[in-house]
Protein backbone atom coordinates (compact mmCIF):
# COMPACT_ATOMS: atom_id res chain seq x y z
CA UNK A 1 -21.30 -3.24 -19.74
CA UNK A 2 -21.45 0.45 -20.98
CA UNK A 3 -18.42 1.72 -23.06
CA UNK A 4 -17.71 4.66 -21.24
CA UNK A 5 -15.14 6.83 -23.61
CA UNK A 6 -14.92 6.38 -27.39
CA UNK A 7 -12.78 4.03 -29.81
CA UNK A 8 -10.61 4.90 -32.12
CA UNK A 9 -8.64 3.22 -35.40
CA UNK A 10 -5.61 4.57 -36.99
CA UNK A 11 -6.97 6.61 -38.99
CA UNK A 12 -9.30 9.15 -36.12
CA UNK A 13 -11.99 6.93 -36.85
CA UNK A 14 -14.55 5.54 -34.22
CA UNK A 15 -14.98 2.14 -33.52
CA UNK A 16 -17.06 2.23 -31.10
CA UNK A 17 -19.10 5.18 -29.19
CA UNK A 18 -18.96 6.13 -25.93
CA UNK A 19 -22.78 4.74 -24.29
CA UNK A 20 -22.78 1.49 -26.48
CA UNK A 21 -23.37 -1.66 -24.45
CA UNK A 22 -21.07 -4.48 -25.22
CA UNK A 23 -21.29 -7.91 -26.93
CA UNK A 24 -19.30 -10.09 -28.00
CA UNK A 25 -19.44 -9.53 -31.70
CA UNK A 26 -18.24 -5.79 -30.17
CA UNK A 27 -15.30 -7.24 -28.04
CA UNK A 28 -14.46 -9.59 -30.93
CA UNK A 29 -14.08 -6.58 -33.27
CA UNK A 30 -11.92 -4.47 -31.45
CA UNK A 31 -9.43 -7.26 -30.61
CA UNK A 32 -8.93 -7.56 -33.96
CA UNK A 33 -7.95 -3.83 -34.13
CA UNK A 34 -5.76 -4.44 -31.77
CA UNK A 35 -7.31 -2.79 -28.53
CA UNK A 36 -6.57 -4.52 -25.23
CA UNK A 37 -8.11 -2.10 -23.06
CA UNK A 38 -11.46 -0.37 -22.74
CA UNK A 39 -12.89 2.34 -19.85
CA UNK A 40 -16.37 1.14 -18.19
CA UNK A 41 -19.44 3.20 -17.38
CA UNK A 42 -20.06 2.06 -13.55
CA UNK A 43 -23.16 3.29 -11.84
CA UNK A 44 -21.55 4.65 -8.66
CA UNK A 45 -19.24 6.72 -10.48
CA UNK A 46 -21.38 7.75 -13.81
CA UNK A 47 -20.81 11.60 -12.97
CA UNK A 48 -17.27 11.50 -13.22
CA UNK A 49 -15.60 13.46 -15.84
CA UNK A 50 -12.12 12.45 -16.19
CA UNK A 51 -10.24 15.68 -17.90
CA UNK A 52 -7.75 14.55 -20.54
CA UNK A 53 -4.57 17.77 -20.78
CA UNK A 54 -5.82 18.30 -24.04
CA UNK A 55 -9.04 17.94 -25.84
CA UNK A 56 -10.00 14.90 -27.80
CA UNK A 57 -10.27 17.31 -31.25
CA UNK A 58 -6.59 18.12 -30.63
CA UNK A 59 -5.24 14.51 -30.09
CA UNK A 60 -6.97 13.63 -33.22
CA UNK A 61 -5.76 15.85 -35.43
CA UNK A 62 -1.96 15.72 -33.79
CA UNK A 63 -2.54 12.02 -34.66
CA UNK A 64 -3.80 12.12 -38.69
CA UNK A 65 -1.82 14.83 -39.28
CA UNK A 66 1.36 13.27 -37.63
CA UNK A 67 0.88 10.35 -39.66
CA UNK A 68 0.57 12.49 -43.09
CA UNK A 69 3.39 14.35 -42.03
CA UNK A 70 5.25 11.19 -41.62
CA UNK A 71 4.12 9.21 -44.91
CA UNK A 72 5.40 12.56 -46.72
CA UNK A 73 9.25 11.95 -45.13
CA UNK A 74 8.98 8.29 -46.18
CA UNK A 75 8.45 9.47 -49.86
CA UNK A 76 11.57 11.85 -49.90
CA UNK A 77 9.33 15.37 -48.94
CA UNK A 78 10.32 17.85 -46.81
CA UNK A 79 8.54 18.53 -43.36
CA UNK A 80 5.40 21.17 -43.96
CA UNK A 81 5.99 23.70 -41.39
CA UNK A 82 1.87 25.03 -41.53
CA UNK A 83 1.28 21.43 -40.71
CA UNK A 84 3.72 21.13 -37.68
CA UNK A 85 2.67 24.30 -36.59
CA UNK A 86 -0.78 23.91 -36.76
CA UNK A 87 -0.47 20.54 -34.19
CA UNK A 88 1.80 21.87 -31.79
CA UNK A 89 -0.25 25.59 -31.06
CA UNK A 90 -2.68 23.60 -30.83
CA UNK A 91 -1.13 21.39 -27.91
CA UNK A 92 0.80 24.50 -26.20
CA UNK A 93 -3.01 26.67 -26.56
CA UNK A 94 -4.64 23.41 -25.34
CA UNK A 95 -2.12 23.03 -21.86
CA UNK A 96 -1.93 26.41 -21.06
CA UNK A 97 -5.63 26.86 -20.46
CA UNK A 98 -5.68 23.90 -17.43
CA UNK A 99 -2.20 24.21 -16.77
CA UNK A 100 -3.13 22.85 -13.30
CA UNK A 101 -4.23 19.38 -14.45
CA UNK A 102 -3.02 16.48 -14.54
CA UNK A 103 -2.17 13.84 -16.25
CA UNK A 104 -5.58 10.87 -15.99
CA UNK A 105 -6.44 9.77 -18.85
CA UNK A 106 -4.60 6.74 -20.24
CA UNK A 107 -4.64 6.71 -23.94
CA UNK A 108 -6.58 4.16 -25.80
CA UNK A 109 -5.57 3.46 -29.29
CA UNK A 110 -5.31 0.05 -31.41
CA UNK A 111 -2.02 -1.62 -31.02
CA UNK A 112 -0.91 -1.24 -35.27
CA UNK A 113 -0.95 2.92 -34.25
CA UNK A 114 1.38 3.09 -31.54
CA UNK A 115 4.25 5.42 -33.59
CA UNK A 116 2.06 8.10 -34.33
CA UNK A 117 -0.07 7.99 -30.39
CA UNK A 118 3.51 7.63 -28.80
CA UNK A 119 4.87 10.58 -30.76
CA UNK A 120 1.88 12.90 -30.33
CA UNK A 121 1.40 11.31 -26.21
CA UNK A 122 5.73 12.26 -26.27
CA UNK A 123 4.83 16.22 -27.34
CA UNK A 124 2.30 16.82 -24.78
CA UNK A 125 3.62 15.28 -22.02
CA UNK A 126 7.39 17.28 -22.63
CA UNK A 127 4.35 20.63 -23.60
CA UNK A 128 3.29 19.91 -19.64
CA UNK A 129 6.38 19.14 -17.98
CA UNK A 130 8.23 22.59 -20.63
CA UNK A 131 4.81 24.91 -18.67
CA UNK A 132 6.13 24.15 -14.89
CA UNK A 133 9.75 24.43 -15.89
CA UNK A 134 8.49 27.83 -16.98
CA UNK A 135 9.31 27.76 -20.89
CA UNK A 136 8.86 30.33 -22.71
CA UNK A 137 6.31 30.13 -26.29
CA UNK A 138 9.39 30.00 -28.41
CA UNK A 139 11.32 27.07 -26.18
CA UNK A 140 7.55 25.49 -25.72
CA UNK A 141 7.35 24.76 -29.41
CA UNK A 142 11.09 23.83 -30.55
CA UNK A 143 10.67 21.22 -26.91
CA UNK A 144 7.27 19.45 -28.49
CA UNK A 145 8.35 19.93 -32.31
CA UNK A 146 11.47 17.91 -31.11
CA UNK A 147 9.14 15.24 -28.80
CA UNK A 148 6.75 14.82 -31.79
CA UNK A 149 9.63 13.96 -33.80
CA UNK A 150 11.62 12.17 -31.13
CA UNK A 151 11.45 8.89 -33.49
CA UNK A 152 10.96 9.99 -37.00
CA UNK A 153 14.44 7.89 -37.22
CA UNK A 154 12.72 4.60 -36.77
CA UNK A 155 10.73 4.88 -40.30
CA UNK A 156 14.81 4.12 -42.08
CA UNK A 157 14.26 0.72 -39.54
CA UNK A 158 13.45 -2.37 -40.66
CA UNK A 159 9.28 -3.12 -40.09
CA UNK A 160 9.85 -6.67 -38.86
CA UNK A 161 12.66 -5.19 -36.05
CA UNK A 162 9.90 -2.92 -35.02
CA UNK A 163 6.91 -4.94 -34.71
CA UNK A 164 9.11 -8.16 -34.02
CA UNK A 165 6.92 -9.65 -30.42
CA UNK A 166 9.80 -12.06 -29.22
CA UNK A 167 13.49 -11.03 -28.29
CA UNK A 168 15.43 -9.28 -30.50
CA UNK A 169 18.70 -10.52 -32.04
CA UNK A 170 22.35 -8.46 -31.21
CA UNK A 171 22.33 -7.24 -34.89
CA UNK A 172 18.87 -6.16 -34.58
CA UNK A 173 19.17 -4.55 -31.48
CA UNK A 174 21.82 -2.52 -33.21
CA UNK A 175 20.34 -1.69 -36.33
CA UNK A 176 17.30 -0.67 -33.94
CA UNK A 177 19.79 1.71 -32.11
CA UNK A 178 20.67 3.59 -35.54
CA UNK A 179 17.43 5.67 -35.13
CA UNK A 180 18.49 8.83 -33.40
CA UNK A 181 21.33 9.17 -36.03
CA UNK A 182 18.51 8.98 -38.62
CA UNK A 183 15.86 10.97 -36.87
CA UNK A 184 18.78 12.86 -36.22
CA UNK A 185 19.59 13.61 -40.12
CA UNK A 186 15.96 13.74 -41.07
CA UNK A 187 15.25 16.34 -38.75
CA UNK A 188 18.10 18.93 -39.77
CA UNK A 189 17.36 18.62 -42.95
CA UNK A 190 15.14 20.50 -42.99
CA UNK A 191 15.33 24.65 -42.35
CA UNK A 192 11.59 24.70 -41.02
CA UNK A 193 12.63 22.06 -37.67
CA UNK A 194 15.42 24.22 -35.21
CA UNK A 195 18.49 22.41 -34.62
CA UNK A 196 17.83 22.46 -30.69
CA UNK A 197 14.59 20.64 -32.16
CA UNK A 198 16.95 18.13 -33.72
CA UNK A 199 19.01 17.55 -31.53
CA UNK A 200 16.22 15.87 -29.17
CA UNK A 201 15.70 12.71 -31.62
CA UNK A 202 19.59 12.79 -31.83
CA UNK A 203 19.37 12.77 -27.85
CA UNK A 204 16.56 11.08 -26.13
CA UNK A 205 18.00 7.65 -25.26
CA UNK A 206 21.27 9.09 -23.71
CA UNK A 207 21.55 8.31 -19.99
CA UNK A 208 22.03 10.93 -17.01
CA UNK A 209 24.71 8.45 -15.41
CA UNK A 210 26.38 8.81 -19.79
CA UNK A 211 25.60 4.92 -19.86
CA UNK A 212 23.00 6.07 -22.78
CA UNK A 213 23.30 6.16 -26.57
CA UNK A 214 24.30 6.62 -29.22
CA UNK A 215 27.09 9.38 -28.46
CA UNK A 216 27.06 8.38 -24.27
CA UNK A 217 26.10 11.91 -23.25
CA UNK A 218 26.52 12.81 -19.45
CA UNK A 219 24.28 15.23 -17.25
CA UNK A 220 24.63 18.75 -18.63
CA UNK A 221 26.01 17.27 -21.88
CA UNK A 222 22.92 16.20 -22.92
CA UNK A 223 20.31 19.16 -24.14
CA UNK A 224 16.87 19.98 -21.31
CA UNK A 225 14.72 19.52 -24.20
CA UNK A 226 16.05 15.66 -24.68
CA UNK A 227 16.45 14.91 -20.87
CA UNK A 228 12.51 15.80 -20.76
CA UNK A 229 11.78 13.69 -23.52
CA UNK A 230 13.77 10.51 -22.45
CA UNK A 231 11.43 10.82 -19.28
CA UNK A 232 8.14 11.45 -21.24
CA UNK A 233 8.60 8.84 -23.67
CA UNK A 234 9.78 6.54 -21.62
CA UNK A 235 6.56 6.94 -19.61
CA UNK A 236 3.69 6.42 -22.30
CA UNK A 237 6.46 3.73 -23.21
CA UNK A 238 5.68 1.94 -20.60
CA UNK A 239 1.87 2.70 -19.80
CA UNK A 240 1.29 1.54 -23.96
CA UNK A 241 0.26 -1.55 -25.18
CA UNK A 242 3.01 -2.24 -27.78
CA UNK A 243 3.71 -5.26 -30.14
CA UNK A 244 6.29 -6.73 -27.45
CA UNK A 245 4.16 -6.40 -24.14
CA UNK A 246 0.88 -5.46 -22.55
CA UNK A 247 1.07 -1.74 -20.84
CA UNK A 248 2.05 -1.17 -17.65
CA UNK A 249 -0.04 0.74 -15.05
CA UNK A 250 0.50 4.04 -13.77
CA UNK A 251 2.17 3.55 -10.67
CA UNK A 252 4.30 0.34 -11.75
CA UNK A 253 5.66 3.43 -14.76
CA UNK A 254 6.01 5.58 -11.83
CA UNK A 255 7.82 2.99 -10.03
CA UNK A 256 10.21 2.21 -12.84
CA UNK A 257 10.74 6.44 -13.35
CA UNK A 258 11.68 6.82 -9.43
CA UNK A 259 14.15 3.71 -10.28
CA UNK A 260 15.69 4.86 -12.72
CA UNK A 261 15.84 8.33 -11.31
CA UNK A 262 20.06 9.32 -11.62
CA UNK A 263 20.84 6.95 -13.70
CA UNK A 264 19.08 6.92 -16.87
CA UNK A 265 17.01 10.35 -16.51
CA UNK A 266 17.91 13.82 -14.77
CA UNK A 267 16.20 13.57 -11.34
CA UNK A 268 14.99 17.25 -11.45
CA UNK A 269 13.19 16.60 -14.53
CA UNK A 270 11.49 13.34 -12.85
CA UNK A 271 10.37 15.23 -9.91
CA UNK A 272 8.86 17.68 -12.31
CA UNK A 273 7.46 14.93 -14.12
CA UNK A 274 5.24 13.16 -11.52
CA UNK A 275 4.38 16.24 -9.89
CA UNK A 276 1.89 16.06 -12.43
CA UNK A 277 1.28 12.41 -12.94
CA UNK A 278 -1.97 10.49 -10.94
CA UNK A 279 -0.36 7.81 -9.75
CA UNK A 280 -4.22 6.16 -9.18
CA UNK A 281 -5.92 8.37 -12.20
CA UNK A 282 -9.52 9.03 -11.77
CA UNK A 283 -11.91 6.13 -12.13
CA UNK A 284 -9.83 3.56 -10.76
CA UNK A 285 -10.78 1.99 -7.61
CA UNK A 286 -9.00 1.32 -4.91
CA UNK A 287 -8.32 0.33 -0.70
CA UNK A 288 -7.42 1.72 1.90
CA UNK A 289 -6.10 0.64 5.02
CA UNK A 290 -9.31 0.89 7.23
CA UNK A 291 -10.73 -1.70 4.66
CA UNK A 292 -12.64 0.47 2.96
CA UNK A 293 -13.07 1.21 -1.20
CA UNK A 294 -14.45 3.25 -3.23
CA UNK A 295 -13.10 4.99 -6.50
CA UNK A 296 -11.30 7.95 -7.10
CA UNK A 297 -12.84 11.07 -8.14
CA UNK A 298 -10.45 13.85 -7.64
CA UNK A 299 -6.46 13.96 -7.66
CA UNK A 300 -4.65 17.19 -6.46
CA UNK A 301 -1.44 18.15 -8.32
CA UNK A 302 1.58 18.18 -6.25
CA UNK A 303 0.09 15.66 -4.25
CA UNK A 304 0.17 12.56 -6.87
CA UNK A 305 -0.81 10.00 -3.39
CA UNK A 306 -3.29 11.39 -1.61
CA UNK A 307 -6.57 11.87 -3.91
CA UNK A 308 -10.38 12.21 -2.98
CA UNK A 309 -12.04 8.48 -2.60
CA UNK A 310 -15.82 7.94 -2.86
CA UNK A 311 -16.28 4.93 -0.53
CA UNK A 312 -19.04 2.71 -1.91
CA UNK A 313 -18.04 -0.91 0.00
CA UNK A 314 -17.40 -0.97 3.82
CA UNK A 315 -14.40 -3.02 4.61
CA UNK A 316 -16.61 -6.30 4.60
CA UNK A 317 -16.17 -5.38 0.27
CA UNK A 318 -20.56 -4.93 0.81
CA UNK A 319 -21.75 -2.14 -0.95
CA UNK A 320 -22.82 1.08 1.25
CA UNK A 321 -26.54 2.80 1.20
CA UNK A 322 -25.44 6.09 0.64
CA UNK A 323 -21.82 6.94 -0.24
CA UNK A 324 -19.70 9.32 0.94
CA UNK A 325 -16.04 11.33 -0.33
CA UNK A 326 -13.02 11.22 1.70
CA UNK A 327 -10.04 14.07 1.12
CA UNK A 328 -6.58 12.03 1.84
CA UNK A 329 -5.47 15.52 1.48
CA UNK A 330 -7.18 16.19 4.97
CA UNK A 331 -7.47 12.60 6.51
CA UNK A 332 -3.69 12.10 7.11
CA UNK A 333 -4.37 8.71 8.55
CA UNK A 334 -6.08 7.32 5.98
CA UNK A 335 -3.60 6.34 3.03
CA UNK A 336 -4.36 3.46 -0.25
CA UNK A 337 -3.00 0.34 0.20
CA UNK A 338 -4.07 -1.34 -3.44
CA UNK A 339 -5.57 -0.93 -6.57
CA UNK A 340 -8.36 -2.98 -7.32
CA UNK A 341 -7.60 -4.58 -11.05
CA UNK A 342 -11.54 -6.74 -10.65
């Protein structure tokens, strides 16, 4: 098999380049770095381009700069406003250039890089939702800063708790639940960080029905920024490999958000977020109700279950001589019955 996208390590270094033929040695190396998923080139989809909502350059800069900022906070330094502005401005500018892009790309990163990758993804996804809600530049900026540092309080949590692979004890759960308070204190003590951004760290585990923590806030009592980040950080958490479990599929994560809409999450935020999520991302192999199977080559914003499919196999599983494309937005009687995992 041929690697379809670069794999990056915890410092942004390339572990393996796109186009490399995979070997047992390479796979063992990646496993040692905690990489459990790969993009693979496949001849029927060699011409398919999977667009991320931010550029690779923006994502890597954000990842590395966030790591530096957090390292400085750990030793008692303040947050460098210029470094934060560079990250957030790049994210906002990338998204505003392509407002109609949907969330296609699974962010593959090493397992020990989870905290930083999760923070950057939360900022990217939250900015996308803020744009959909019509936020101005100031609101987008404060939302994105809050999303980027929503878990900053975890630097004060025992690392053994954060990286534990088994169930947490009641005492460990109680300690972990202190991270919103810690995060709020860290952010509000920095004069260059808006108090609204600090409240994202404080409130992102509040539930829409009042059953969250730390204060049991309900509905409109929770700031809109925090209601957005509650959804986006949960989605990224579910679709990421963590020390505790393997990632959920996109469709499983979507089902979870929908099931918890109205209880954990603001239903309006869930609807707005899911309008930008590709339930069947570009490159996914799927089967239709006709029995034909193929590869998703295009997805539509606001119509996540009606992508364009390139048909490559007939109902008997035999590869056809000439592939063709079917637009489910036009073909109302056709629908996807399953994702082909192998």
